[in-house]
N, C-alpha and C. Protein backbone atom coordinates (compact mmCIF):
# COMPACT_ATOMS: atom_id res chain seq x y z
N MET A 1 -184.17 123.62 70.09
CA MET A 1 -184.99 122.73 70.86
C MET A 1 -184.33 122.41 72.20
N PHE A 2 -183.00 122.14 72.17
CA PHE A 2 -182.29 121.85 73.41
C PHE A 2 -182.34 123.04 74.35
N ARG A 3 -182.26 124.25 73.79
CA ARG A 3 -182.31 125.47 74.58
C ARG A 3 -183.64 125.60 75.31
N ARG A 4 -184.72 125.34 74.65
CA ARG A 4 -186.05 125.45 75.26
C ARG A 4 -186.22 124.43 76.39
N ALA A 5 -185.74 123.21 76.20
CA ALA A 5 -185.83 122.17 77.23
C ALA A 5 -185.00 122.57 78.45
N PHE A 6 -183.82 123.13 78.20
CA PHE A 6 -182.97 123.57 79.32
C PHE A 6 -183.65 124.64 80.15
N TRP A 7 -184.18 125.67 79.47
CA TRP A 7 -184.82 126.77 80.20
C TRP A 7 -186.12 126.33 80.87
N PHE A 8 -186.83 125.42 80.24
CA PHE A 8 -188.04 124.89 80.87
C PHE A 8 -187.68 124.15 82.16
N THR A 9 -186.64 123.33 82.12
CA THR A 9 -186.21 122.56 83.30
C THR A 9 -185.69 123.50 84.38
N ALA A 10 -184.90 124.52 83.97
CA ALA A 10 -184.38 125.48 84.94
C ALA A 10 -185.53 126.24 85.61
N GLY A 11 -186.53 126.62 84.85
CA GLY A 11 -187.68 127.34 85.40
C GLY A 11 -188.48 126.48 86.36
N ALA A 12 -188.67 125.21 86.00
CA ALA A 12 -189.41 124.28 86.86
C ALA A 12 -188.65 124.06 88.16
N ALA A 13 -187.34 123.89 88.09
CA ALA A 13 -186.53 123.69 89.29
C ALA A 13 -186.58 124.93 90.18
N ALA A 14 -186.51 126.12 89.59
CA ALA A 14 -186.59 127.36 90.36
C ALA A 14 -187.95 127.49 91.03
N GLY A 15 -189.00 127.10 90.34
CA GLY A 15 -190.35 127.14 90.92
C GLY A 15 -190.49 126.20 92.10
N VAL A 16 -189.97 124.98 91.96
CA VAL A 16 -190.02 124.01 93.06
C VAL A 16 -189.22 124.53 94.26
N TRP A 17 -188.05 125.06 93.97
CA TRP A 17 -187.19 125.59 95.05
C TRP A 17 -187.89 126.74 95.78
N ALA A 18 -188.47 127.67 95.04
CA ALA A 18 -189.15 128.83 95.64
C ALA A 18 -190.37 128.38 96.44
N THR A 19 -191.14 127.43 95.91
CA THR A 19 -192.31 126.93 96.63
C THR A 19 -191.90 126.26 97.94
N THR A 20 -190.85 125.50 97.90
CA THR A 20 -190.36 124.83 99.11
C THR A 20 -189.92 125.86 100.15
N LYS A 21 -189.19 126.87 99.73
CA LYS A 21 -188.73 127.92 100.65
C LYS A 21 -189.91 128.66 101.28
N VAL A 22 -190.91 129.01 100.47
CA VAL A 22 -192.08 129.73 100.98
C VAL A 22 -192.84 128.87 101.97
N ASN A 23 -193.03 127.59 101.65
CA ASN A 23 -193.75 126.70 102.57
C ASN A 23 -193.01 126.54 103.90
N ARG A 24 -191.69 126.43 103.87
CA ARG A 24 -190.91 126.34 105.11
C ARG A 24 -191.08 127.60 105.96
N LYS A 25 -191.03 128.74 105.30
CA LYS A 25 -191.16 130.01 106.03
C LYS A 25 -192.55 130.14 106.62
N LEU A 26 -193.58 129.72 105.89
CA LEU A 26 -194.94 129.78 106.41
C LEU A 26 -195.11 128.86 107.63
N LYS A 27 -194.46 127.69 107.60
CA LYS A 27 -194.54 126.79 108.76
C LYS A 27 -193.85 127.40 109.97
N GLN A 28 -192.77 128.15 109.74
CA GLN A 28 -192.06 128.80 110.85
C GLN A 28 -192.88 129.92 111.47
N LEU A 29 -193.81 130.48 110.72
CA LEU A 29 -194.59 131.62 111.20
C LEU A 29 -195.95 131.25 111.77
N THR A 30 -196.22 129.95 111.93
CA THR A 30 -197.48 129.55 112.55
C THR A 30 -197.40 129.87 114.05
N PRO A 31 -198.54 130.11 114.70
CA PRO A 31 -198.52 130.42 116.14
C PRO A 31 -197.85 129.34 116.99
N GLU A 32 -198.08 128.07 116.64
CA GLU A 32 -197.46 126.98 117.41
C GLU A 32 -195.93 127.02 117.29
N SER A 33 -195.46 127.26 116.08
CA SER A 33 -194.02 127.31 115.85
C SER A 33 -193.40 128.51 116.57
N LEU A 34 -194.07 129.66 116.50
CA LEU A 34 -193.55 130.85 117.19
C LEU A 34 -193.52 130.64 118.70
N ALA A 35 -194.55 129.98 119.25
CA ALA A 35 -194.58 129.71 120.69
C ALA A 35 -193.45 128.76 121.07
N ALA A 36 -193.21 127.75 120.26
CA ALA A 36 -192.12 126.81 120.54
C ALA A 36 -190.77 127.51 120.48
N GLN A 37 -190.58 128.40 119.51
CA GLN A 37 -189.32 129.14 119.41
C GLN A 37 -189.12 130.04 120.62
N ALA A 38 -190.20 130.70 121.07
CA ALA A 38 -190.10 131.57 122.23
C ALA A 38 -189.77 130.76 123.49
N ALA A 39 -190.39 129.59 123.61
CA ALA A 39 -190.11 128.74 124.77
C ALA A 39 -188.66 128.27 124.75
N ASP A 40 -188.17 127.89 123.59
CA ASP A 40 -186.77 127.46 123.48
C ASP A 40 -185.81 128.59 123.86
N LYS A 41 -186.11 129.80 123.41
CA LYS A 41 -185.26 130.96 123.75
C LYS A 41 -185.30 131.24 125.24
N ALA A 42 -186.49 131.11 125.85
CA ALA A 42 -186.61 131.35 127.29
C ALA A 42 -185.81 130.32 128.08
N ILE A 43 -185.88 129.07 127.67
CA ILE A 43 -185.12 128.01 128.36
C ILE A 43 -183.62 128.26 128.19
N GLU A 44 -183.20 128.62 126.99
CA GLU A 44 -181.79 128.90 126.73
C GLU A 44 -181.31 130.08 127.59
N THR A 45 -182.14 131.13 127.70
CA THR A 45 -181.79 132.28 128.52
C THR A 45 -181.70 131.88 129.99
N GLY A 46 -182.61 131.05 130.44
CA GLY A 46 -182.56 130.56 131.82
C GLY A 46 -181.29 129.80 132.11
N HIS A 47 -180.86 128.96 131.16
CA HIS A 47 -179.60 128.22 131.34
C HIS A 47 -178.40 129.17 131.39
N ARG A 48 -178.42 130.18 130.55
CA ARG A 48 -177.31 131.14 130.55
C ARG A 48 -177.26 131.92 131.86
N LEU A 49 -178.43 132.32 132.37
CA LEU A 49 -178.47 133.04 133.65
C LEU A 49 -177.99 132.15 134.79
N ARG A 50 -178.38 130.89 134.77
CA ARG A 50 -177.94 129.96 135.82
C ARG A 50 -176.41 129.78 135.75
N ASP A 51 -175.88 129.61 134.55
CA ASP A 51 -174.43 129.47 134.40
C ASP A 51 -173.72 130.73 134.90
N PHE A 52 -174.27 131.90 134.59
CA PHE A 52 -173.68 133.15 135.06
C PHE A 52 -173.69 133.22 136.58
N ALA A 53 -174.82 132.85 137.19
CA ALA A 53 -174.92 132.87 138.65
C ALA A 53 -173.92 131.90 139.28
N LEU A 54 -173.74 130.73 138.68
CA LEU A 54 -172.77 129.77 139.21
C LEU A 54 -171.35 130.30 139.07
N ASP A 55 -171.06 130.97 137.96
CA ASP A 55 -169.73 131.57 137.78
C ASP A 55 -169.48 132.66 138.81
N VAL A 56 -170.49 133.49 139.06
CA VAL A 56 -170.35 134.56 140.06
C VAL A 56 -170.12 133.95 141.42
N ARG A 57 -170.88 132.90 141.77
CA ARG A 57 -170.73 132.26 143.07
C ARG A 57 -169.33 131.64 143.22
N ALA A 58 -168.84 131.00 142.17
CA ALA A 58 -167.51 130.40 142.23
C ALA A 58 -166.44 131.49 142.43
N GLY A 59 -166.58 132.58 141.71
CA GLY A 59 -165.64 133.69 141.87
C GLY A 59 -165.71 134.29 143.26
N MET A 60 -166.92 134.38 143.79
CA MET A 60 -167.11 134.93 145.13
C MET A 60 -166.44 134.03 146.18
N LEU A 61 -166.62 132.71 146.04
CA LEU A 61 -165.99 131.79 146.99
C LEU A 61 -164.46 131.83 146.86
N GLN A 62 -163.97 131.95 145.64
CA GLN A 62 -162.53 132.03 145.44
C GLN A 62 -161.97 133.30 146.08
N ARG A 63 -162.65 134.41 145.88
CA ARG A 63 -162.19 135.68 146.46
C ARG A 63 -162.28 135.65 147.98
N GLU A 64 -163.31 135.02 148.51
CA GLU A 64 -163.44 134.89 149.96
C GLU A 64 -162.28 134.08 150.53
N ALA A 65 -161.91 133.00 149.84
CA ALA A 65 -160.78 132.19 150.29
C ALA A 65 -159.48 133.00 150.23
N GLU A 66 -159.31 133.81 149.17
CA GLU A 66 -158.12 134.65 149.06
C GLU A 66 -158.06 135.65 150.22
N LEU A 67 -159.18 136.25 150.54
CA LEU A 67 -159.21 137.22 151.64
C LEU A 67 -158.94 136.54 152.98
N GLU A 68 -159.50 135.35 153.19
CA GLU A 68 -159.24 134.63 154.43
C GLU A 68 -157.76 134.30 154.56
N ASP A 69 -157.13 133.90 153.46
CA ASP A 69 -155.70 133.62 153.49
C ASP A 69 -154.90 134.89 153.79
N ALA A 70 -155.28 135.99 153.15
CA ALA A 70 -154.55 137.25 153.34
C ALA A 70 -154.70 137.76 154.77
N LEU A 71 -155.86 137.55 155.38
CA LEU A 71 -156.10 138.03 156.74
C LEU A 71 -155.70 137.02 157.80
N GLY A 72 -155.31 135.83 157.38
CA GLY A 72 -154.88 134.82 158.33
C GLY A 72 -156.03 134.19 159.10
N LEU A 73 -157.22 134.20 158.54
CA LEU A 73 -158.37 133.64 159.24
C LEU A 73 -158.36 132.12 159.22
N ASP A 74 -157.65 131.51 158.29
CA ASP A 74 -157.57 130.06 158.22
C ASP A 74 -156.34 129.52 158.92
N ALA A 75 -155.55 130.40 159.52
CA ALA A 75 -154.32 129.96 160.18
C ALA A 75 -154.66 129.10 161.38
N PRO A 76 -153.83 128.07 161.66
CA PRO A 76 -154.09 127.24 162.84
C PRO A 76 -153.91 128.06 164.12
N VAL A 77 -154.68 127.71 165.13
CA VAL A 77 -154.63 128.43 166.40
C VAL A 77 -153.43 127.94 167.20
N ASP A 78 -152.61 128.87 167.66
CA ASP A 78 -151.44 128.54 168.48
C ASP A 78 -151.92 128.32 169.91
N PRO A 79 -151.67 127.14 170.50
CA PRO A 79 -152.16 126.89 171.86
C PRO A 79 -151.52 127.80 172.91
N ALA A 80 -150.38 128.40 172.59
CA ALA A 80 -149.72 129.28 173.56
C ALA A 80 -150.41 130.64 173.64
N LEU A 81 -151.19 130.99 172.63
CA LEU A 81 -151.88 132.27 172.63
C LEU A 81 -153.19 132.16 173.41
N PRO A 82 -153.61 133.27 174.02
CA PRO A 82 -154.89 133.21 174.73
C PRO A 82 -156.05 133.08 173.74
N GLY A 83 -157.16 132.56 174.23
CA GLY A 83 -158.35 132.38 173.39
C GLY A 83 -159.00 133.72 173.10
N PRO A 84 -160.08 133.71 172.30
CA PRO A 84 -160.76 134.97 171.99
C PRO A 84 -161.42 135.55 173.23
N ARG A 85 -161.46 136.87 173.28
CA ARG A 85 -162.08 137.56 174.42
C ARG A 85 -163.58 137.37 174.39
N ARG A 86 -164.13 137.14 175.54
CA ARG A 86 -165.58 137.01 175.67
C ARG A 86 -166.02 138.06 176.67
N THR A 87 -166.98 138.85 176.25
CA THR A 87 -167.47 139.89 177.15
C THR A 87 -168.90 139.61 177.53
N ALA A 88 -169.30 140.14 178.64
CA ALA A 88 -170.67 139.97 179.10
C ALA A 88 -171.48 141.21 178.76
N LEU A 89 -171.07 141.93 177.73
CA LEU A 89 -171.78 143.13 177.35
C LEU A 89 -172.94 142.78 176.44
N GLY A 90 -173.98 143.54 176.57
CA GLY A 90 -175.16 143.33 175.74
C GLY A 90 -174.99 143.98 174.38
N PRO A 91 -176.04 144.00 173.59
CA PRO A 91 -175.95 144.55 172.24
C PRO A 91 -175.60 146.02 172.20
N GLY A 92 -175.97 146.81 173.19
CA GLY A 92 -175.69 148.24 173.18
C GLY A 92 -174.34 148.59 173.77
N GLY A 93 -173.57 147.61 174.21
CA GLY A 93 -172.27 147.89 174.79
C GLY A 93 -172.33 147.91 176.32
N GLY A 94 -173.53 147.94 176.88
CA GLY A 94 -173.68 147.92 178.33
C GLY A 94 -173.81 146.50 178.82
N PRO A 95 -174.04 146.34 180.14
CA PRO A 95 -174.19 144.98 180.67
C PRO A 95 -175.41 144.30 180.06
N ALA A 96 -175.33 142.99 179.94
CA ALA A 96 -176.43 142.23 179.36
C ALA A 96 -177.61 142.24 180.32
N ALA A 97 -178.79 142.30 179.75
CA ALA A 97 -180.01 142.27 180.55
C ALA A 97 -180.16 140.90 181.20
N PRO A 98 -180.80 140.83 182.38
CA PRO A 98 -180.98 139.52 183.02
C PRO A 98 -181.76 138.58 182.08
N GLY A 99 -181.28 137.39 182.00
CA GLY A 99 -181.92 136.40 181.15
C GLY A 99 -181.54 136.53 179.68
N HIS A 100 -180.74 137.52 179.34
CA HIS A 100 -180.32 137.72 177.94
C HIS A 100 -179.08 136.88 177.70
N HIS A 101 -179.13 136.07 176.68
CA HIS A 101 -178.01 135.19 176.35
C HIS A 101 -177.00 135.96 175.48
N VAL A 102 -175.75 135.95 175.87
CA VAL A 102 -174.70 136.61 175.10
C VAL A 102 -173.96 135.54 174.31
N HIS A 103 -173.92 135.70 173.00
CA HIS A 103 -173.20 134.75 172.15
C HIS A 103 -171.71 134.95 172.31
N PRO A 104 -170.95 133.84 172.38
CA PRO A 104 -169.50 133.98 172.53
C PRO A 104 -168.82 134.48 171.26
N HIS A 105 -169.48 134.37 170.12
CA HIS A 105 -168.87 134.79 168.87
C HIS A 105 -169.66 135.98 168.31
N PRO A 106 -168.97 136.90 167.64
CA PRO A 106 -169.69 138.05 167.07
C PRO A 106 -170.45 137.70 165.80
N TYR A 107 -170.37 136.48 165.34
CA TYR A 107 -171.07 136.06 164.13
C TYR A 107 -171.80 134.75 164.43
N PRO A 108 -172.87 134.46 163.71
CA PRO A 108 -173.61 133.23 163.99
C PRO A 108 -172.79 132.00 163.62
N THR A 109 -172.96 130.94 164.38
CA THR A 109 -172.21 129.71 164.13
C THR A 109 -173.05 128.65 163.47
N HIS A 110 -174.30 128.95 163.14
CA HIS A 110 -175.14 127.96 162.48
C HIS A 110 -174.76 127.87 161.01
N PRO A 111 -175.12 126.76 160.35
CA PRO A 111 -174.66 126.54 158.97
C PRO A 111 -175.39 127.38 157.92
N TYR A 112 -176.27 128.28 158.31
CA TYR A 112 -177.02 129.07 157.34
C TYR A 112 -176.09 129.99 156.58
N ASN A 113 -176.23 129.99 155.27
CA ASN A 113 -175.46 130.89 154.42
C ASN A 113 -176.45 131.63 153.55
N ARG A 114 -176.54 132.96 153.73
CA ARG A 114 -177.55 133.73 152.99
C ARG A 114 -177.28 133.76 151.50
N ASN A 115 -176.10 133.34 151.07
CA ASN A 115 -175.78 133.38 149.64
C ASN A 115 -176.17 132.09 148.93
N GLU A 116 -176.61 131.10 149.68
CA GLU A 116 -177.00 129.84 149.03
C GLU A 116 -178.38 129.97 148.43
N ASP A 117 -178.62 129.16 147.42
CA ASP A 117 -179.94 129.13 146.80
C ASP A 117 -180.92 128.50 147.77
N HIS A 118 -182.14 129.01 147.79
CA HIS A 118 -183.15 128.46 148.70
C HIS A 118 -184.25 127.83 147.93
């Protein structure tokens, strides 16, 4: 008699456990649940891509600083040395056209950085 009660209870518990597992799985497979899971994965992927881009940018800035140090671009200007050469040559190497403005620096001095996020 005790044996039958034990196996009956074990069978009932296994049935409840299996029913619960099946119901949970069915809820996970509803269209709303699948859409929510896909949205969560997309957001997580977006965060990972953003973190990767920030890491790349930080490494790029660090390497740029290393190169500037190696090339002496950040060195203080010695007042005894002459200033940078300024030429009145136009873009093609010839004289500048009348009314054409020649920039004193070979690179733009505005704060625009093409590597920044827009």
